[in-house]
Every structure is written in structure tokens, then in C-alpha cells.
């Protein structure tokens, strides 16, 4: 015959194991959902998740002020170019994006550079050295890049006025500059029409 203390200790141990198992299960569920919330891979046709970041001029950028039902600005499209100071292809691409902006801004296009990983002073050097007037967002800790699934620079995401992804492009080859700009421009024109 078993002693009352043995039965009590056995039940206590079983409750402890059950509790630990539940904690482990809950932890794994939360870690998986947190990982998918913070990092996703956007595809054409997806709705871009909202985000907030600082602009290098000191202002704030909220995506929902530009696209979607509650947008405060009347735009038809917005292009984000994720770039960094050390990215040579970025330095070649940015002036071309500036030319596109000049051609299509009156038709409702906005273009933003998103500096990924650089401190503010280095990001300032980038825009000074490439000689652009395009607005620059700071994403030093890559929060926005991770949220949108950006894995390399340059990385371009074109959204329509509803916040739907219309074009995605990674990389920029100097030998294929004309092809890239032509493809991007074709997508911009189709979206703005």
C-alpha cells in the first residue's frame, strides 16, 4: 500500500510536468507568430503592412498617411528603394529613380529612399554623394526592412494608392540599367493610368 505522501508527491510532480509542457507549447506558438509578424515576404498583389519610421529631415513617415482608405495625401503610387551607403549598385540606381520622380510626380508618384543599417551621418553622406533630392527614411536597425521581407539592397517595392504591391525588384546591374528603368517605368505608367 502506498503512503499518502507518495501519492501527493506523485500528483505534484505530474502537475509540474503538465505546467512546464504547457508553458513550452505556449512559448513556441508565440515565438512562431512573432517571427511571422515581424518578417514577411511580400508578393505582387499583397497588401503592404503598415509601418512608421523617421525621415532624415526630422519628420515622421506613416505609410497609412500615403496609401489606403484613410490616406491623407492624394497619391496614386509610392516607390520605396531600400539602399545603403556601401551598396555600389544603389549609388547607380538612385539618380535614375530621381529622373523617374521628376517625370511622374505630377501624376501622383512618390519615391522614398530607405537607408538600411547606416547611422544617420552615413545616410546623409549617401544622399549628398549621389546628389539626390529624394526623401530619405532611416531604418538603421532594419525594422522596416525585416517587416517587409527585404533581404538585399537595392530592393524596390512599388505600391498603388490602395497599398497593394504592384512591382518588386531586387538588385541593379550597371549593364542592365536601361532594362530595369524601362521595366519599372512600364509598371509605374500602368499603375498611374
C-alpha atoms as a PDB file:
ATOM      1  CA  UNK A   1       0.000   0.000   0.000  1.00  0.00           C
ATOM      2  CA  UNK A   2       1.236   3.442  -0.906  1.00  0.00           C
ATOM      3  CA  UNK A   3       1.591   6.183   1.564  1.00  0.00           C
ATOM      4  CA  UNK A   4      -0.496   9.369   1.238  1.00  0.00           C
ATOM      5  CA  UNK A   5       2.690  11.401   0.931  1.00  0.00           C
ATOM      6  CA  UNK A   6       3.840   9.327  -2.066  1.00  0.00           C
ATOM      7  CA  UNK A   7       0.533   9.891  -3.848  1.00  0.00           C
ATOM      8  CA  UNK A   8       0.662  13.606  -3.040  1.00  0.00           C
ATOM      9  CA  UNK A   9       4.274  13.900  -4.321  1.00  0.00           C
ATOM     10  CA  UNK A  10       3.403  11.967  -7.472  1.00  0.00           C
ATOM     11  CA  UNK A  11       0.439  14.249  -8.257  1.00  0.00           C
ATOM     12  CA  UNK A  12       2.525  17.306  -7.523  1.00  0.00           C
ATOM     13  CA  UNK A  13       5.246  16.105  -9.951  1.00  0.00           C
ATOM     14  CA  UNK A  14       2.620  15.354 -12.630  1.00  0.00           C
ATOM     15  CA  UNK A  15       1.113  18.845 -12.281  1.00  0.00           C
ATOM     16  CA  UNK A  16       4.598  20.371 -12.555  1.00  0.00           C
ATOM     17  CA  UNK A  17       5.352  18.394 -15.750  1.00  0.00           C
ATOM     18  CA  UNK A  18       2.000  19.362 -17.252  1.00  0.00           C
ATOM     19  CA  UNK A  19       2.543  23.020 -16.376  1.00  0.00           C
ATOM     20  CA  UNK A  20       6.036  23.014 -17.925  1.00  0.00           C
ATOM     21  CA  UNK A  21       4.750  21.311 -21.067  1.00  0.00           C
ATOM     22  CA  UNK A  22       2.004  23.932 -21.433  1.00  0.00           C
ATOM     23  CA  UNK A  23       4.484  26.761 -20.963  1.00  0.00           C
ATOM     24  CA  UNK A  24       6.713  25.258 -23.647  1.00  0.00           C
ATOM     25  CA  UNK A  25       3.787  24.917 -26.040  1.00  0.00           C
ATOM     26  CA  UNK A  26       2.610  28.476 -25.425  1.00  0.00           C
ATOM     27  CA  UNK A  27       6.161  29.794 -25.875  1.00  0.00           C
ATOM     28  CA  UNK A  28       6.610  28.049 -29.203  1.00  0.00           C
ATOM     29  CA  UNK A  29       3.276  29.378 -30.504  1.00  0.00           C
ATOM     30  CA  UNK A  30       4.143  32.961 -29.535  1.00  0.00           C
ATOM     31  CA  UNK A  31       7.657  32.776 -30.957  1.00  0.00           C
ATOM     32  CA  UNK A  32       6.351  31.495 -34.294  1.00  0.00           C
ATOM     33  CA  UNK A  33       3.660  34.152 -34.557  1.00  0.00           C
ATOM     34  CA  UNK A  34       6.075  36.907 -33.534  1.00  0.00           C
ATOM     35  CA  UNK A  35       8.512  35.773 -36.198  1.00  0.00           C
ATOM     36  CA  UNK A  36       5.905  35.835 -38.933  1.00  0.00           C
ATOM     37  CA  UNK A  37       4.507  39.167 -37.831  1.00  0.00           C
ATOM     38  CA  UNK A  38       7.850  40.927 -37.919  1.00  0.00           C
ATOM     39  CA  UNK A  39       9.221  39.433 -41.101  1.00  0.00           C
ATOM     40  CA  UNK A  40       7.282  38.541 -44.177  1.00  0.00           C
ATOM     41  CA  UNK A  41       7.940  38.125 -47.835  1.00  0.00           C
ATOM     42  CA  UNK A  42       5.790  40.449 -49.919  1.00  0.00           C
ATOM     43  CA  UNK A  43       4.494  39.315 -53.276  1.00  0.00           C
ATOM     44  CA  UNK A  44       2.812  41.215 -56.080  1.00  0.00           C
ATOM     45  CA  UNK A  45      -0.843  41.604 -55.172  1.00  0.00           C
ATOM     46  CA  UNK A  46      -0.227  41.596 -51.404  1.00  0.00           C
ATOM     47  CA  UNK A  47      -1.315  44.468 -49.219  1.00  0.00           C
ATOM     48  CA  UNK A  48       1.740  46.120 -47.702  1.00  0.00           C
ATOM     49  CA  UNK A  49       1.673  46.091 -43.893  1.00  0.00           C
ATOM     50  CA  UNK A  50       1.724  49.493 -42.248  1.00  0.00           C
ATOM     51  CA  UNK A  51       4.903  50.915 -40.797  1.00  0.00           C
ATOM     52  CA  UNK A  52       6.348  54.060 -39.273  1.00  0.00           C
ATOM     53  CA  UNK A  53       9.867  55.460 -39.474  1.00  0.00           C
ATOM     54  CA  UNK A  54      11.808  58.697 -39.237  1.00  0.00           C
ATOM     55  CA  UNK A  55      12.755  60.833 -42.195  1.00  0.00           C
ATOM     56  CA  UNK A  56      16.256  62.252 -42.337  1.00  0.00           C
ATOM     57  CA  UNK A  57      14.827  65.784 -42.373  1.00  0.00           C
ATOM     58  CA  UNK A  58      13.435  65.114 -38.876  1.00  0.00           C
ATOM     59  CA  UNK A  59       9.855  64.383 -39.892  1.00  0.00           C
ATOM     60  CA  UNK A  60       7.911  61.170 -39.445  1.00  0.00           C
ATOM     61  CA  UNK A  61       6.629  58.814 -42.113  1.00  0.00           C
ATOM     62  CA  UNK A  62       3.466  56.785 -41.575  1.00  0.00           C
ATOM     63  CA  UNK A  63       2.523  54.565 -44.525  1.00  0.00           C
ATOM     64  CA  UNK A  64      -1.198  54.930 -43.789  1.00  0.00           C
ATOM     65  CA  UNK A  65      -0.945  58.679 -44.460  1.00  0.00           C
ATOM     66  CA  UNK A  66       0.037  57.898 -48.067  1.00  0.00           C
ATOM     67  CA  UNK A  67      -1.918  54.784 -49.043  1.00  0.00           C
ATOM     68  CA  UNK A  68      -5.159  53.092 -48.136  1.00  0.00           C
ATOM     69  CA  UNK A  69      -8.653  54.228 -47.249  1.00  0.00           C
ATOM     70  CA  UNK A  70      -7.559  56.735 -44.595  1.00  0.00           C
ATOM     71  CA  UNK A  71      -4.698  58.268 -46.585  1.00  0.00           C
ATOM     72  CA  UNK A  72      -4.293  61.998 -46.068  1.00  0.00           C
ATOM     73  CA  UNK A  73      -2.393  62.504 -49.302  1.00  0.00           C
ATOM     74  CA  UNK A  74      -3.746  62.122 -52.781  1.00  0.00           C
ATOM     75  CA  UNK A  75      -1.208  59.872 -54.468  1.00  0.00           C
ATOM     76  CA  UNK A  76      -1.582  57.081 -56.986  1.00  0.00           C
ATOM     77  CA  UNK A  77       1.612  55.234 -56.164  1.00  0.00           C
ATOM     78  CA  UNK A  78       4.652  55.114 -53.961  1.00  0.00           C
ATOM     79  CA  UNK A  79       8.037  53.513 -54.615  1.00  0.00           C
ATOM     80  CA  UNK A  80      10.409  52.508 -51.840  1.00  0.00           C
ATOM     81  CA  UNK A  81      14.051  51.915 -52.703  1.00  0.00           C
ATOM     82  CA  UNK A  82      15.902  50.149 -49.877  1.00  0.00           C
ATOM     83  CA  UNK A  83      19.547  51.138 -50.093  1.00  0.00           C
ATOM     84  CA  UNK A  84      22.729  51.604 -48.073  1.00  0.00           C
ATOM     85  CA  UNK A  85      25.905  53.670 -48.233  1.00  0.00           C
ATOM     86  CA  UNK A  86      28.170  50.720 -49.046  1.00  0.00           C
ATOM     87  CA  UNK A  87      25.942  49.458 -51.880  1.00  0.00           C
ATOM     88  CA  UNK A  88      27.528  50.492 -55.185  1.00  0.00           C
ATOM     89  CA  UNK A  89      24.506  49.432 -57.275  1.00  0.00           C
ATOM     90  CA  UNK A  90      22.350  51.656 -55.030  1.00  0.00           C
ATOM     91  CA  UNK A  91      24.535  54.649 -55.856  1.00  0.00           C
ATOM     92  CA  UNK A  92      23.970  53.995 -59.562  1.00  0.00           C
ATOM     93  CA  UNK A  93      20.237  53.380 -59.225  1.00  0.00           C
ATOM     94  CA  UNK A  94      19.295  56.409 -57.093  1.00  0.00           C
ATOM     95  CA  UNK A  95      19.967  59.081 -59.777  1.00  0.00           C
ATOM     96  CA  UNK A  96      17.818  57.088 -62.221  1.00  0.00           C
ATOM     97  CA  UNK A  97      14.996  56.986 -59.671  1.00  0.00           C
ATOM     98  CA  UNK A  98      15.336  60.745 -59.268  1.00  0.00           C
ATOM     99  CA  UNK A  99      14.744  61.159 -63.017  1.00  0.00           C
ATOM    100  CA  UNK A 100      11.641  58.960 -62.836  1.00  0.00           C
ATOM    101  CA  UNK A 101      10.358  61.019 -59.935  1.00  0.00           C
ATOM    102  CA  UNK A 102      10.756  64.238 -61.927  1.00  0.00           C
ATOM    103  CA  UNK A 103       8.757  62.718 -64.820  1.00  0.00           C
ATOM    104  CA  UNK A 104       5.907  61.231 -62.758  1.00  0.00           C
ATOM    105  CA  UNK A 105       5.485  63.186 -59.517  1.00  0.00           C
ATOM    106  CA  UNK A 106       2.818  65.453 -61.033  1.00  0.00           C
ATOM    107  CA  UNK A 107       0.860  62.333 -61.951  1.00  0.00           C
ATOM    108  CA  UNK A 108       0.762  61.155 -58.321  1.00  0.00           C
ATOM    109  CA  UNK A 109       4.005  59.217 -57.795  1.00  0.00           C
ATOM    110  CA  UNK A 110       6.072  59.459 -54.618  1.00  0.00           C
ATOM    111  CA  UNK A 111       9.538  57.915 -54.256  1.00  0.00           C
ATOM    112  CA  UNK A 112      11.320  57.353 -50.957  1.00  0.00           C
ATOM    113  CA  UNK A 113      14.782  56.023 -50.296  1.00  0.00           C
ATOM    114  CA  UNK A 114      15.030  53.803 -47.219  1.00  0.00           C
ATOM    115  CA  UNK A 115      18.583  53.662 -45.851  1.00  0.00           C
ATOM    116  CA  UNK A 116      19.049  50.241 -44.267  1.00  0.00           C
ATOM    117  CA  UNK A 117      21.562  49.773 -41.493  1.00  0.00           C
ATOM    118  CA  UNK A 118      23.528  53.021 -41.652  1.00  0.00           C
ATOM    119  CA  UNK A 119      23.784  55.596 -38.871  1.00  0.00           C
ATOM    120  CA  UNK A 120      22.261  58.978 -39.715  1.00  0.00           C
ATOM    121  CA  UNK A 121      25.564  60.681 -40.568  1.00  0.00           C
ATOM    122  CA  UNK A 122      26.446  57.937 -43.063  1.00  0.00           C
ATOM    123  CA  UNK A 123      22.949  58.094 -44.594  1.00  0.00           C
ATOM    124  CA  UNK A 124      23.428  61.839 -45.048  1.00  0.00           C
ATOM    125  CA  UNK A 125      26.718  61.158 -46.870  1.00  0.00           C
ATOM    126  CA  UNK A 126      24.886  58.812 -49.244  1.00  0.00           C
ATOM    127  CA  UNK A 127      22.317  61.375 -50.377  1.00  0.00           C
ATOM    128  CA  UNK A 128      24.976  64.093 -50.608  1.00  0.00           C
ATOM    129  CA  UNK A 129      27.343  61.949 -52.693  1.00  0.00           C
ATOM    130  CA  UNK A 130      24.674  60.729 -55.125  1.00  0.00           C
ATOM    131  CA  UNK A 131      23.217  64.232 -55.353  1.00  0.00           C
ATOM    132  CA  UNK A 132      19.556  63.450 -54.914  1.00  0.00           C
ATOM    133  CA  UNK A 133      16.641  65.376 -53.540  1.00  0.00           C
ATOM    134  CA  UNK A 134      14.589  62.242 -52.942  1.00  0.00           C
ATOM    135  CA  UNK A 135      13.339  61.985 -49.372  1.00  0.00           C
ATOM    136  CA  UNK A 136      15.265  59.517 -47.228  1.00  0.00           C
ATOM    137  CA  UNK A 137      13.948  57.322 -44.433  1.00  0.00           C
ATOM    138  CA  UNK A 138      16.199  55.961 -41.726  1.00  0.00           C
ATOM    139  CA  UNK A 139      15.985  52.239 -40.975  1.00  0.00           C
ATOM    140  CA  UNK A 140      19.223  51.809 -39.053  1.00  0.00           C
ATOM    141  CA  UNK A 141      18.071  48.732 -37.143  1.00  0.00           C
ATOM    142  CA  UNK A 142      16.341  47.253 -40.217  1.00  0.00           C
ATOM    143  CA  UNK A 143      12.917  47.153 -38.588  1.00  0.00           C
ATOM    144  CA  UNK A 144      11.077  48.210 -41.747  1.00  0.00           C
ATOM    145  CA  UNK A 145      13.266  46.053 -43.994  1.00  0.00           C
ATOM    146  CA  UNK A 146      12.568  42.957 -41.895  1.00  0.00           C
ATOM    147  CA  UNK A 147       8.864  43.748 -41.693  1.00  0.00           C
ATOM    148  CA  UNK A 148       8.646  43.883 -45.488  1.00  0.00           C
ATOM    149  CA  UNK A 149      10.961  40.937 -46.130  1.00  0.00           C
ATOM    150  CA  UNK A 150      13.775  42.952 -47.705  1.00  0.00           C
ATOM    151  CA  UNK A 151      16.851  40.729 -47.956  1.00  0.00           C
ATOM    152  CA  UNK A 152      19.291  42.767 -50.051  1.00  0.00           C
ATOM    153  CA  UNK A 153      19.944  46.232 -51.434  1.00  0.00           C
ATOM    154  CA  UNK A 154      18.901  47.750 -53.712  1.00  0.00           C
ATOM    155  CA  UNK A 155      15.370  46.448 -53.258  1.00  0.00           C
ATOM    156  CA  UNK A 156      12.399  48.245 -54.792  1.00  0.00           C
ATOM    157  CA  UNK A 157       8.744  47.933 -53.825  1.00  0.00           C
ATOM    158  CA  UNK A 158       6.071  49.816 -55.782  1.00  0.00           C
ATOM    159  CA  UNK A 159       2.660  50.247 -54.120  1.00  0.00           C
ATOM    160  CA  UNK A 160      -0.513  51.642 -55.630  1.00  0.00           C
ATOM    161  CA  UNK A 161      -2.696  54.168 -53.811  1.00  0.00           C
ATOM    162  CA  UNK A 162      -4.506  51.358 -52.013  1.00  0.00           C
ATOM    163  CA  UNK A 163      -1.266  49.950 -50.591  1.00  0.00           C
ATOM    164  CA  UNK A 164      -1.198  46.908 -52.878  1.00  0.00           C
ATOM    165  CA  UNK A 165       2.207  45.728 -54.109  1.00  0.00           C
ATOM    166  CA  UNK A 166       2.433  46.234 -57.890  1.00  0.00           C
ATOM    167  CA  UNK A 167       6.144  45.661 -58.536  1.00  0.00           C
ATOM    168  CA  UNK A 168       9.135  44.221 -56.678  1.00  0.00           C
ATOM    169  CA  UNK A 169      12.721  44.190 -57.891  1.00  0.00           C
ATOM    170  CA  UNK A 170      15.982  43.205 -56.228  1.00  0.00           C
ATOM    171  CA  UNK A 171      19.413  44.236 -57.454  1.00  0.00           C
ATOM    172  CA  UNK A 172      20.665  46.682 -60.031  1.00  0.00           C
ATOM    173  CA  UNK A 173      23.207  45.767 -62.675  1.00  0.00           C
ATOM    174  CA  UNK A 174      25.016  48.648 -64.359  1.00  0.00           C
ATOM    175  CA  UNK A 175      24.930  46.717 -67.611  1.00  0.00           C
ATOM    176  CA  UNK A 176      21.136  46.363 -67.307  1.00  0.00           C
ATOM    177  CA  UNK A 177      20.280  49.896 -66.181  1.00  0.00           C
ATOM    178  CA  UNK A 178      18.151  50.676 -69.233  1.00  0.00           C
ATOM    179  CA  UNK A 179      16.245  47.381 -68.935  1.00  0.00           C
ATOM    180  CA  UNK A 180      15.493  47.906 -65.243  1.00  0.00           C
ATOM    181  CA  UNK A 181      14.373  51.531 -65.663  1.00  0.00           C
ATOM    182  CA  UNK A 182      12.229  50.571 -68.660  1.00  0.00           C
ATOM    183  CA  UNK A 183      10.548  47.765 -66.688  1.00  0.00           C
ATOM    184  CA  UNK A 184       9.999  49.976 -63.644  1.00  0.00           C
ATOM    185  CA  UNK A 185       8.680  52.832 -65.767  1.00  0.00           C
ATOM    186  CA  UNK A 186       6.290  50.479 -67.559  1.00  0.00           C
ATOM    187  CA  UNK A 187       4.891  49.391 -64.175  1.00  0.00           C
ATOM    188  CA  UNK A 188       4.646  52.991 -62.954  1.00  0.00           C
ATOM    189  CA  UNK A 189       2.769  54.116 -66.083  1.00  0.00           C
ATOM    190  CA  UNK A 190       0.368  51.155 -65.876  1.00  0.00           C
ATOM    191  CA  UNK A 191      -0.330  51.935 -62.229  1.00  0.00           C
ATOM    192  CA  UNK A 192      -0.789  55.681 -62.724  1.00  0.00           C
ATOM    193  CA  UNK A 193      -3.123  55.246 -65.723  1.00  0.00           C
END
